Amino acid sequence: GIDATIRYGRNVPGTEALKQSDLASDNPYNTRLRPGLPPTPIANPGL
């Protein structure tokens, strides 16, 4: 249920609200619908 993964998979900037279509998408980065980790990192993390 990490919205940042949905934003990454659907290319939705953090300044925009996620739409119902984003939340319902069958995207591999939709961690609201798919259990487990997304297929790749979604950002370059700091230490």
All heavy atoms as atom14 arrays in JSON, in Angstrom:
{
  "sequence": "GIDATIRYGRNVPGTEALKQSDLASDNPYNTRLRPGLPPTPIANPGL",
  "atom14_mask": [
    [1, 1, 1, 1, 0, 0, 0, 0, 0, 0, 0, 0, 0, 0],
    [1, 1, 1, 1, 1, 1, 1, 1, 0, 0, 0, 0, 0, 0],
    [1, 1, 1, 1, 1, 1, 1, 1, 0, 0, 0, 0, 0, 0],
    [1, 1, 1, 1, 1, 0, 0, 0, 0, 0, 0, 0, 0, 0],
    [1, 1, 1, 1, 1, 1, 1, 0, 0, 0, 0, 0, 0, 0],
    [1, 1, 1, 1, 1, 1, 1, 1, 0, 0, 0, 0, 0, 0],
    [1, 1, 1, 1, 1, 1, 1, 1, 1, 1, 1, 0, 0, 0],
    [1, 1, 1, 1, 1, 1, 1, 1, 1, 1, 1, 1, 0, 0],
    [1, 1, 1, 1, 0, 0, 0, 0, 0, 0, 0, 0, 0, 0],
    [1, 1, 1, 1, 1, 1, 1, 1, 1, 1, 1, 0, 0, 0],
    [1, 1, 1, 1, 1, 1, 1, 1, 0, 0, 0, 0, 0, 0],
    [1, 1, 1, 1, 1, 1, 1, 0, 0, 0, 0, 0, 0, 0],
    [1, 1, 1, 1, 1, 1, 1, 0, 0, 0, 0, 0, 0, 0],
    [1, 1, 1, 1, 0, 0, 0, 0, 0, 0, 0, 0, 0, 0],
    [1, 1, 1, 1, 1, 1, 1, 0, 0, 0, 0, 0, 0, 0],
    [1, 1, 1, 1, 1, 1, 1, 1, 1, 0, 0, 0, 0, 0],
    [1, 1, 1, 1, 1, 0, 0, 0, 0, 0, 0, 0, 0, 0],
    [1, 1, 1, 1, 1, 1, 1, 1, 0, 0, 0, 0, 0, 0],
    [1, 1, 1, 1, 1, 1, 1, 1, 1, 0, 0, 0, 0, 0],
    [1, 1, 1, 1, 1, 1, 1, 1, 1, 0, 0, 0, 0, 0],
    [1, 1, 1, 1, 1, 1, 0, 0, 0, 0, 0, 0, 0, 0],
    [1, 1, 1, 1, 1, 1, 1, 1, 0, 0, 0, 0, 0, 0],
    [1, 1, 1, 1, 1, 1, 1, 1, 0, 0, 0, 0, 0, 0],
    [1, 1, 1, 1, 1, 0, 0, 0, 0, 0, 0, 0, 0, 0],
    [1, 1, 1, 1, 1, 1, 0, 0, 0, 0, 0, 0, 0, 0],
    [1, 1, 1, 1, 1, 1, 1, 1, 0, 0, 0, 0, 0, 0],
    [1, 1, 1, 1, 1, 1, 1, 1, 0, 0, 0, 0, 0, 0],
    [1, 1, 1, 1, 1, 1, 1, 0, 0, 0, 0, 0, 0, 0],
    [1, 1, 1, 1, 1, 1, 1, 1, 1, 1, 1, 1, 0, 0],
    [1, 1, 1, 1, 1, 1, 1, 1, 0, 0, 0, 0, 0, 0],
    [1, 1, 1, 1, 1, 1, 1, 0, 0, 0, 0, 0, 0, 0],
    [1, 1, 1, 1, 1, 1, 1, 1, 1, 1, 1, 0, 0, 0],
    [1, 1, 1, 1, 1, 1, 1, 1, 0, 0, 0, 0, 0, 0],
    [1, 1, 1, 1, 1, 1, 1, 1, 1, 1, 1, 0, 0, 0],
    [1, 1, 1, 1, 1, 1, 1, 0, 0, 0, 0, 0, 0, 0],
    [1, 1, 1, 1, 0, 0, 0, 0, 0, 0, 0, 0, 0, 0],
    [1, 1, 1, 1, 1, 1, 1, 1, 0, 0, 0, 0, 0, 0],
    [1, 1, 1, 1, 1, 1, 1, 0, 0, 0, 0, 0, 0, 0],
    [1, 1, 1, 1, 1, 1, 1, 0, 0, 0, 0, 0, 0, 0],
    [1, 1, 1, 1, 1, 1, 1, 0, 0, 0, 0, 0, 0, 0],
    [1, 1, 1, 1, 1, 1, 1, 0, 0, 0, 0, 0, 0, 0],
    [1, 1, 1, 1, 1, 1, 1, 1, 0, 0, 0, 0, 0, 0],
    [1, 1, 1, 1, 1, 0, 0, 0, 0, 0, 0, 0, 0, 0],
    [1, 1, 1, 1, 1, 1, 1, 1, 0, 0, 0, 0, 0, 0],
    [1, 1, 1, 1, 1, 1, 1, 0, 0, 0, 0, 0, 0, 0],
    [1, 1, 1, 1, 0, 0, 0, 0, 0, 0, 0, 0, 0, 0],
    [1, 1, 1, 1, 1, 1, 1, 1, 0, 0, 0, 0, 0, 0]
  ],
  "atom14_positions": [
    [[0.8, -1.23, 0.0], [0.0, 0.0, 0.0], [0.83, 1.27, 0.0], [0.43, 2.27, 0.6], [0.0, 0.0, 0.0], [0.0, 0.0, 0.0], [0.0, 0.0, 0.0], [0.0, 0.0, 0.0], [0.0, 0.0, 0.0], [0.0, 0.0, 0.0], [0.0, 0.0, 0.0], [0.0, 0.0, 0.0], [0.0, 0.0, 0.0], [0.0, 0.0, 0.0]],
    [[1.97, 1.26, -0.66], [2.85, 2.43, -0.72], [2.49, 3.26, -1.96], [2.77, 2.86, -3.08], [4.34, 2.01, -0.76], [4.7, 1.13, 0.43], [5.25, 3.23, -0.89], [4.81, 1.83, 1.75], [0.0, 0.0, 0.0], [0.0, 0.0, 0.0], [0.0, 0.0, 0.0], [0.0, 0.0, 0.0], [0.0, 0.0, 0.0], [0.0, 0.0, 0.0]],
    [[1.87, 4.42, -1.71], [1.42, 5.23, -2.84], [2.56, 5.71, -3.73], [2.37, 5.9, -4.94], [0.6, 6.42, -2.35], [-0.79, 6.01, -1.87], [-1.18, 4.83, -2.08], [-1.5, 6.86, -1.3], [0.0, 0.0, 0.0], [0.0, 0.0, 0.0], [0.0, 0.0, 0.0], [0.0, 0.0, 0.0], [0.0, 0.0, 0.0], [0.0, 0.0, 0.0]],
    [[3.75, 5.89, -3.17], [4.89, 6.33, -3.98], [5.21, 5.33, -5.09], [5.68, 5.73, -6.16], [6.11, 6.56, -3.1], [0.0, 0.0, 0.0], [0.0, 0.0, 0.0], [0.0, 0.0, 0.0], [0.0, 0.0, 0.0], [0.0, 0.0, 0.0], [0.0, 0.0, 0.0], [0.0, 0.0, 0.0], [0.0, 0.0, 0.0], [0.0, 0.0, 0.0]],
    [[4.94, 4.04, -4.87], [5.2, 3.06, -5.92], [4.19, 3.22, -7.06], [4.54, 3.07, -8.23], [5.15, 1.6, -5.4], [3.83, 1.3, -4.94], [6.18, 1.38, -4.3], [0.0, 0.0, 0.0], [0.0, 0.0, 0.0], [0.0, 0.0, 0.0], [0.0, 0.0, 0.0], [0.0, 0.0, 0.0], [0.0, 0.0, 0.0], [0.0, 0.0, 0.0]],
    [[2.95, 3.54, -6.71], [1.92, 3.78, -7.73], [2.29, 5.02, -8.54], [2.21, 5.02, -9.77], [0.53, 3.92, -7.09], [0.15, 2.63, -6.35], [-0.52, 4.27, -8.15], [-1.1, 2.75, -5.48], [0.0, 0.0, 0.0], [0.0, 0.0, 0.0], [0.0, 0.0, 0.0], [0.0, 0.0, 0.0], [0.0, 0.0, 0.0], [0.0, 0.0, 0.0]],
    [[2.71, 6.07, -7.85], [3.13, 7.3, -8.53], [4.26, 6.98, -9.52], [4.25, 7.46, -10.66], [3.62, 8.34, -7.53], [2.53, 8.92, -6.68], [3.06, 10.0, -5.74], [1.97, 10.52, -4.96], [1.02, 11.32, -5.41], [1.05, 11.7, -6.68], [0.04, 11.72, -4.64], [0.0, 0.0, 0.0], [0.0, 0.0, 0.0], [0.0, 0.0, 0.0]],
    [[5.22, 6.19, -9.09], [6.35, 5.83, -9.94], [5.86, 5.05, -11.17], [6.23, 5.37, -12.3], [7.37, 5.01, -9.14], [8.54, 4.55, -9.96], [9.64, 5.37, -10.15], [8.56, 3.28, -10.54], [10.73, 4.97, -10.9], [9.64, 2.86, -11.3], [10.72, 3.71, -11.48], [11.78, 3.28, -12.24], [0.0, 0.0, 0.0], [0.0, 0.0, 0.0]],
    [[5.06, 4.03, -10.94], [4.59, 3.18, -12.03], [3.68, 3.87, -13.01], [3.62, 3.51, -14.19], [0.0, 0.0, 0.0], [0.0, 0.0, 0.0], [0.0, 0.0, 0.0], [0.0, 0.0, 0.0], [0.0, 0.0, 0.0], [0.0, 0.0, 0.0], [0.0, 0.0, 0.0], [0.0, 0.0, 0.0], [0.0, 0.0, 0.0], [0.0, 0.0, 0.0]],
    [[2.95, 4.89, -12.55], [2.0, 5.62, -13.41], [2.53, 7.0, -13.8], [1.83, 7.76, -14.47], [0.67, 5.77, -12.69], [-0.01, 4.46, -12.31], [-0.76, 3.84, -13.43], [-1.95, 4.64, -13.71], [-2.88, 4.3, -14.58], [-2.76, 3.19, -15.26], [-3.92, 5.08, -14.79], [0.0, 0.0, 0.0], [0.0, 0.0, 0.0], [0.0, 0.0, 0.0]],
    [[3.74, 7.33, -13.34], [4.36, 8.63, -13.65], [3.49, 9.8, -13.19], [3.25, 10.74, -13.94], [4.7, 8.73, -15.15], [5.75, 9.79, -15.41], [6.53, 10.12, -14.53], [5.73, 10.33, -16.61], [0.0, 0.0, 0.0], [0.0, 0.0, 0.0], [0.0, 0.0, 0.0], [0.0, 0.0, 0.0], [0.0, 0.0, 0.0], [0.0, 0.0, 0.0]],
    [[3.0, 9.71, -11.96], [2.18, 10.78, -11.37], [3.05, 11.57, -10.4], [3.55, 11.0, -9.42], [0.95, 10.19, -10.61], [0.14, 11.3, -9.96], [0.09, 9.35, -11.54], [0.0, 0.0, 0.0], [0.0, 0.0, 0.0], [0.0, 0.0, 0.0], [0.0, 0.0, 0.0], [0.0, 0.0, 0.0], [0.0, 0.0, 0.0], [0.0, 0.0, 0.0]],
    [[3.25, 12.87, -10.65], [4.08, 13.66, -9.74], [3.47, 13.75, -8.34], [2.24, 13.65, -8.18], [4.13, 15.05, -10.39], [3.38, 14.97, -11.67], [2.71, 13.63, -11.76], [0.0, 0.0, 0.0], [0.0, 0.0, 0.0], [0.0, 0.0, 0.0], [0.0, 0.0, 0.0], [0.0, 0.0, 0.0], [0.0, 0.0, 0.0], [0.0, 0.0, 0.0]],
    [[4.32, 13.97, -7.35], [3.87, 14.09, -5.97], [2.97, 15.28, -5.73], [2.27, 15.34, -4.73], [0.0, 0.0, 0.0], [0.0, 0.0, 0.0], [0.0, 0.0, 0.0], [0.0, 0.0, 0.0], [0.0, 0.0, 0.0], [0.0, 0.0, 0.0], [0.0, 0.0, 0.0], [0.0, 0.0, 0.0], [0.0, 0.0, 0.0], [0.0, 0.0, 0.0]],
    [[2.96, 16.22, -6.66], [2.11, 17.4, -6.53], [0.68, 17.15, -6.99], [-0.19, 17.99, -6.79], [2.69, 18.57, -7.36], [2.88, 18.11, -8.71], [4.02, 19.03, -6.79], [0.0, 0.0, 0.0], [0.0, 0.0, 0.0], [0.0, 0.0, 0.0], [0.0, 0.0, 0.0], [0.0, 0.0, 0.0], [0.0, 0.0, 0.0], [0.0, 0.0, 0.0]],
    [[0.44, 16.0, -7.62], [-0.91, 15.66, -8.11], [-1.5, 14.55, -7.27], [-0.8, 13.64, -6.83], [-0.84, 15.18, -9.57], [-0.52, 16.24, -10.57], [-0.45, 15.68, -11.98], [-1.05, 14.61, -12.25], [0.24, 16.31, -12.8], [0.0, 0.0, 0.0], [0.0, 0.0, 0.0], [0.0, 0.0, 0.0], [0.0, 0.0, 0.0], [0.0, 0.0, 0.0]],
    [[-2.82, 14.6, -7.08], [-3.52, 13.53, -6.36], [-3.59, 12.29, -7.25], [-3.7, 12.38, -8.47], [-4.94, 13.98, -6.01], [0.0, 0.0, 0.0], [0.0, 0.0, 0.0], [0.0, 0.0, 0.0], [0.0, 0.0, 0.0], [0.0, 0.0, 0.0], [0.0, 0.0, 0.0], [0.0, 0.0, 0.0], [0.0, 0.0, 0.0], [0.0, 0.0, 0.0]],
    [[-3.51, 11.13, -6.61], [-3.72, 9.88, -7.35], [-5.2, 9.77, -7.67], [-6.05, 10.04, -6.84], [-3.26, 8.68, -6.52], [-1.75, 8.53, -6.35], [-1.44, 7.45, -5.32], [-1.08, 8.2, -7.68], [0.0, 0.0, 0.0], [0.0, 0.0, 0.0], [0.0, 0.0, 0.0], [0.0, 0.0, 0.0], [0.0, 0.0, 0.0], [0.0, 0.0, 0.0]],
    [[-5.49, 9.33, -8.9], [-6.88, 9.13, -9.33], [-7.29, 7.69, -9.03], [-6.45, 6.81, -8.85], [-7.01, 9.39, -10.83], [-6.67, 10.81, -11.23], [-6.83, 10.96, -12.75], [-6.39, 12.31, -13.21], [-4.96, 12.36, -13.49], [0.0, 0.0, 0.0], [0.0, 0.0, 0.0], [0.0, 0.0, 0.0], [0.0, 0.0, 0.0], [0.0, 0.0, 0.0]],
    [[-8.58, 7.45, -9.02], [-9.09, 6.09, -8.82], [-8.51, 5.14, -9.87], [-8.2, 4.0, -9.57], [-10.64, 6.09, -8.86], [-11.25, 4.84, -8.27], [-10.81, 4.57, -6.83], [-10.76, 5.46, -5.99], [-10.45, 3.33, -6.53], [0.0, 0.0, 0.0], [0.0, 0.0, 0.0], [0.0, 0.0, 0.0], [0.0, 0.0, 0.0], [0.0, 0.0, 0.0]],
    [[-8.34, 5.63, -11.08], [-7.78, 4.79, -12.15], [-6.33, 4.41, -11.84], [-5.89, 3.31, -12.19], [-7.86, 5.5, -13.5], [-7.15, 6.72, -13.47], [0.0, 0.0, 0.0], [0.0, 0.0, 0.0], [0.0, 0.0, 0.0], [0.0, 0.0, 0.0], [0.0, 0.0, 0.0], [0.0, 0.0, 0.0], [0.0, 0.0, 0.0], [0.0, 0.0, 0.0]],
    [[-5.58, 5.29, -11.16], [-4.21, 4.95, -10.75], [-4.24, 3.86, -9.69], [-3.48, 2.9, -9.75], [-3.5, 6.18, -10.16], [-3.32, 7.3, -11.16], [-2.96, 7.02, -12.32], [-3.53, 8.47, -10.77], [0.0, 0.0, 0.0], [0.0, 0.0, 0.0], [0.0, 0.0, 0.0], [0.0, 0.0, 0.0], [0.0, 0.0, 0.0], [0.0, 0.0, 0.0]],
    [[-5.14, 4.02, -8.71], [-5.23, 3.06, -7.6], [-5.71, 1.69, -8.06], [-5.39, 0.68, -7.44], [-6.16, 3.6, -6.51], [-5.76, 4.95, -5.91], [-6.8, 5.4, -4.9], [-4.39, 4.9, -5.28], [0.0, 0.0, 0.0], [0.0, 0.0, 0.0], [0.0, 0.0, 0.0], [0.0, 0.0, 0.0], [0.0, 0.0, 0.0], [0.0, 0.0, 0.0]],
    [[-6.48, 1.66, -9.14], [-7.04, 0.4, -9.64], [-6.2, -0.21, -10.76], [-6.51, -1.3, -11.25], [-8.47, 0.63, -10.14], [0.0, 0.0, 0.0], [0.0, 0.0, 0.0], [0.0, 0.0, 0.0], [0.0, 0.0, 0.0], [0.0, 0.0, 0.0], [0.0, 0.0, 0.0], [0.0, 0.0, 0.0], [0.0, 0.0, 0.0], [0.0, 0.0, 0.0]],
    [[-5.13, 0.48, -11.18], [-4.37, 0.02, -12.34], [-3.68, -1.32, -12.07], [-3.26, -1.61, -10.95], [-3.32, 1.07, -12.73], [-2.25, 1.06, -11.81], [0.0, 0.0, 0.0], [0.0, 0.0, 0.0], [0.0, 0.0, 0.0], [0.0, 0.0, 0.0], [0.0, 0.0, 0.0], [0.0, 0.0, 0.0], [0.0, 0.0, 0.0], [0.0, 0.0, 0.0]],
    [[-3.56, -2.09, -13.12], [-2.88, -3.39, -13.04], [-1.4, -3.21, -13.35], [-0.82, -3.93, -14.14], [-3.53, -4.38, -14.02], [-2.98, -5.78, -13.85], [-2.58, -6.12, -12.72], [-2.91, -6.51, -14.85], [0.0, 0.0, 0.0], [0.0, 0.0, 0.0], [0.0, 0.0, 0.0], [0.0, 0.0, 0.0], [0.0, 0.0, 0.0], [0.0, 0.0, 0.0]],
    [[-0.81, -2.23, -12.73], [0.59, -1.89, -12.95], [1.45, -2.71, -11.99], [1.07, -2.89, -10.83], [0.71, -0.38, -12.67], [2.06, 0.18, -12.96], [3.03, -0.21, -12.32], [2.12, 1.1, -13.9], [0.0, 0.0, 0.0], [0.0, 0.0, 0.0], [0.0, 0.0, 0.0], [0.0, 0.0, 0.0], [0.0, 0.0, 0.0], [0.0, 0.0, 0.0]],
    [[2.61, -3.2, -12.4], [3.45, -3.99, -11.48], [3.91, -3.21, -10.25], [4.35, -3.8, -9.28], [4.63, -4.43, -12.33], [4.56, -3.68, -13.61], [3.18, -3.11, -13.74], [0.0, 0.0, 0.0], [0.0, 0.0, 0.0], [0.0, 0.0, 0.0], [0.0, 0.0, 0.0], [0.0, 0.0, 0.0], [0.0, 0.0, 0.0], [0.0, 0.0, 0.0]],
    [[3.78, -1.89, -10.29], [4.18, -1.05, -9.15], [3.0, -0.7, -8.25], [3.15, 0.06, -7.31], [4.85, 0.24, -9.65], [6.19, -0.04, -10.28], [6.3, -0.34, -11.63], [7.35, -0.06, -9.51], [7.54, -0.63, -12.2], [8.58, -0.34, -10.06], [8.66, -0.63, -11.41], [9.88, -0.93, -11.96], [0.0, 0.0, 0.0], [0.0, 0.0, 0.0]],
    [[1.83, -1.28, -8.52], [0.66, -0.99, -7.69], [0.69, -1.87, -6.45], [0.13, -2.96, -6.41], [-0.64, -1.19, -8.46], [-1.85, -0.69, -7.68], [-1.78, -0.51, -6.46], [-2.95, -0.48, -8.37], [0.0, 0.0, 0.0], [0.0, 0.0, 0.0], [0.0, 0.0, 0.0], [0.0, 0.0, 0.0], [0.0, 0.0, 0.0], [0.0, 0.0, 0.0]],
    [[1.32, -1.34, -5.41], [1.47, -2.11, -4.17], [0.22, -2.05, -3.3], [0.21, -2.63, -2.21], [2.69, -1.62, -3.36], [2.54, -0.23, -3.07], [3.98, -1.88, -4.11], [0.0, 0.0, 0.0], [0.0, 0.0, 0.0], [0.0, 0.0, 0.0], [0.0, 0.0, 0.0], [0.0, 0.0, 0.0], [0.0, 0.0, 0.0], [0.0, 0.0, 0.0]],
    [[-0.84, -1.41, -3.78], [-2.12, -1.53, -3.08], [-2.81, -2.83, -3.48], [-3.54, -3.41, -2.7], [-3.04, -0.35, -3.41], [-2.67, 0.92, -2.68], [-3.83, 1.85, -2.65], [-3.51, 3.11, -2.02], [-4.4, 4.02, -1.73], [-5.68, 3.81, -2.02], [-4.06, 5.14, -1.17], [0.0, 0.0, 0.0], [0.0, 0.0, 0.0], [0.0, 0.0, 0.0]],
    [[-2.56, -3.27, -4.71], [-3.22, -4.48, -5.22], [-2.29, -5.7, -5.23], [-2.75, -6.82, -5.07], [-3.74, -4.24, -6.64], [-4.81, -3.15, -6.79], [-5.22, -3.03, -8.26], [-6.01, -3.43, -5.91], [0.0, 0.0, 0.0], [0.0, 0.0, 0.0], [0.0, 0.0, 0.0], [0.0, 0.0, 0.0], [0.0, 0.0, 0.0], [0.0, 0.0, 0.0]],
    [[-1.01, -5.47, -5.45], [-0.06, -6.59, -5.58], [0.75, -6.76, -4.29], [1.39, -5.82, -3.84], [0.91, -6.31, -6.73], [0.24, -6.3, -8.07], [1.24, -5.84, -9.12], [0.64, -5.84, -10.44], [0.83, -6.8, -11.33], [1.61, -7.82, -11.04], [0.26, -6.74, -12.5], [0.0, 0.0, 0.0], [0.0, 0.0, 0.0], [0.0, 0.0, 0.0]],
    [[0.72, -7.96, -3.72], [1.56, -8.19, -2.53], [3.02, -8.25, -2.93], [3.36, -8.43, -4.1], [1.06, -9.54, -2.01], [0.43, -10.2, -3.19], [-0.05, -9.12, -4.11], [0.0, 0.0, 0.0], [0.0, 0.0, 0.0], [0.0, 0.0, 0.0], [0.0, 0.0, 0.0], [0.0, 0.0, 0.0], [0.0, 0.0, 0.0], [0.0, 0.0, 0.0]],
    [[3.89, -8.09, -1.96], [5.32, -8.17, -2.2], [5.9, -6.84, -2.63], [5.2, -5.83, -2.73], [0.0, 0.0, 0.0], [0.0, 0.0, 0.0], [0.0, 0.0, 0.0], [0.0, 0.0, 0.0], [0.0, 0.0, 0.0], [0.0, 0.0, 0.0], [0.0, 0.0, 0.0], [0.0, 0.0, 0.0], [0.0, 0.0, 0.0], [0.0, 0.0, 0.0]],
    [[7.2, -6.87, -2.89], [7.92, -5.66, -3.28], [7.66, -5.34, -4.75], [7.39, -6.24, -5.55], [9.42, -5.86, -3.06], [9.87, -6.04, -1.62], [11.34, -6.44, -1.56], [9.62, -4.77, -0.82], [0.0, 0.0, 0.0], [0.0, 0.0, 0.0], [0.0, 0.0, 0.0], [0.0, 0.0, 0.0], [0.0, 0.0, 0.0], [0.0, 0.0, 0.0]],
    [[7.75, -4.06, -5.12], [7.67, -3.72, -6.54], [8.86, -4.31, -7.27], [9.86, -4.7, -6.65], [7.69, -2.19, -6.54], [8.35, -1.8, -5.26], [8.02, -2.89, -4.27], [0.0, 0.0, 0.0], [0.0, 0.0, 0.0], [0.0, 0.0, 0.0], [0.0, 0.0, 0.0], [0.0, 0.0, 0.0], [0.0, 0.0, 0.0], [0.0, 0.0, 0.0]],
    [[8.81, -4.37, -8.61], [9.86, -5.06, -9.36], [11.25, -4.41, -9.28], [12.25, -5.1, -9.44], [9.36, -5.05, -10.8], [8.16, -4.19, -10.84], [7.71, -3.93, -9.44], [0.0, 0.0, 0.0], [0.0, 0.0, 0.0], [0.0, 0.0, 0.0], [0.0, 0.0, 0.0], [0.0, 0.0, 0.0], [0.0, 0.0, 0.0], [0.0, 0.0, 0.0]],
    [[11.31, -3.1, -9.03], [12.59, -2.4, -8.96], [12.49, -1.3, -7.9], [11.4, -0.93, -7.48], [12.94, -1.7, -10.3], [12.0, -0.65, -10.54], [12.95, -2.68, -11.47], [0.0, 0.0, 0.0], [0.0, 0.0, 0.0], [0.0, 0.0, 0.0], [0.0, 0.0, 0.0], [0.0, 0.0, 0.0], [0.0, 0.0, 0.0], [0.0, 0.0, 0.0]],
    [[13.64, -0.74, -7.51], [13.57, 0.46, -6.67], [12.84, 1.58, -7.43], [12.81, 1.59, -8.66], [15.05, 0.82, -6.46], [15.78, -0.47, -6.62], [15.02, -1.2, -7.71], [0.0, 0.0, 0.0], [0.0, 0.0, 0.0], [0.0, 0.0, 0.0], [0.0, 0.0, 0.0], [0.0, 0.0, 0.0], [0.0, 0.0, 0.0], [0.0, 0.0, 0.0]],
    [[12.27, 2.52, -6.67], [11.5, 3.61, -7.28], [12.22, 4.95, -7.15], [11.69, 5.97, -7.59], [10.08, 3.7, -6.68], [10.15, 3.98, -5.18], [9.3, 2.41, -6.99], [8.82, 4.44, -4.59], [0.0, 0.0, 0.0], [0.0, 0.0, 0.0], [0.0, 0.0, 0.0], [0.0, 0.0, 0.0], [0.0, 0.0, 0.0], [0.0, 0.0, 0.0]],
    [[13.39, 4.96, -6.53], [14.15, 6.19, -6.33], [15.57, 5.82, -5.96], [15.87, 4.65, -5.68], [13.52, 7.03, -5.22], [0.0, 0.0, 0.0], [0.0, 0.0, 0.0], [0.0, 0.0, 0.0], [0.0, 0.0, 0.0], [0.0, 0.0, 0.0], [0.0, 0.0, 0.0], [0.0, 0.0, 0.0], [0.0, 0.0, 0.0], [0.0, 0.0, 0.0]],
    [[16.42, 6.81, -5.9], [17.8, 6.62, -5.45], [17.83, 6.97, -3.96], [17.78, 8.15, -3.62], [18.73, 7.52, -6.26], [20.17, 7.3, -5.92], [20.52, 6.33, -5.25], [21.02, 8.2, -6.36], [0.0, 0.0, 0.0], [0.0, 0.0, 0.0], [0.0, 0.0, 0.0], [0.0, 0.0, 0.0], [0.0, 0.0, 0.0], [0.0, 0.0, 0.0]],
    [[17.88, 5.99, -3.08], [17.81, 6.28, -1.65], [19.11, 6.81, -1.08], [20.2, 6.45, -1.54], [17.47, 4.92, -1.03], [18.05, 3.93, -1.98], [17.94, 4.55, -3.35], [0.0, 0.0, 0.0], [0.0, 0.0, 0.0], [0.0, 0.0, 0.0], [0.0, 0.0, 0.0], [0.0, 0.0, 0.0], [0.0, 0.0, 0.0], [0.0, 0.0, 0.0]],
    [[18.98, 7.64, -0.06], [20.14, 8.1, 0.68], [20.56, 7.07, 1.72], [19.86, 6.08, 1.97], [0.0, 0.0, 0.0], [0.0, 0.0, 0.0], [0.0, 0.0, 0.0], [0.0, 0.0, 0.0], [0.0, 0.0, 0.0], [0.0, 0.0, 0.0], [0.0, 0.0, 0.0], [0.0, 0.0, 0.0], [0.0, 0.0, 0.0], [0.0, 0.0, 0.0]],
    [[21.69, 7.31, 2.34], [22.23, 6.38, 3.31], [21.28, 6.15, 4.49], [21.11, 5.01, 4.94], [23.59, 6.88, 3.83], [24.31, 5.99, 4.83], [24.56, 4.59, 4.26], [25.62, 6.64, 5.27], [0.0, 0.0, 0.0], [0.0, 0.0, 0.0], [0.0, 0.0, 0.0], [0.0, 0.0, 0.0], [0.0, 0.0, 0.0], [0.0, 0.0, 0.0]]
  ]
}
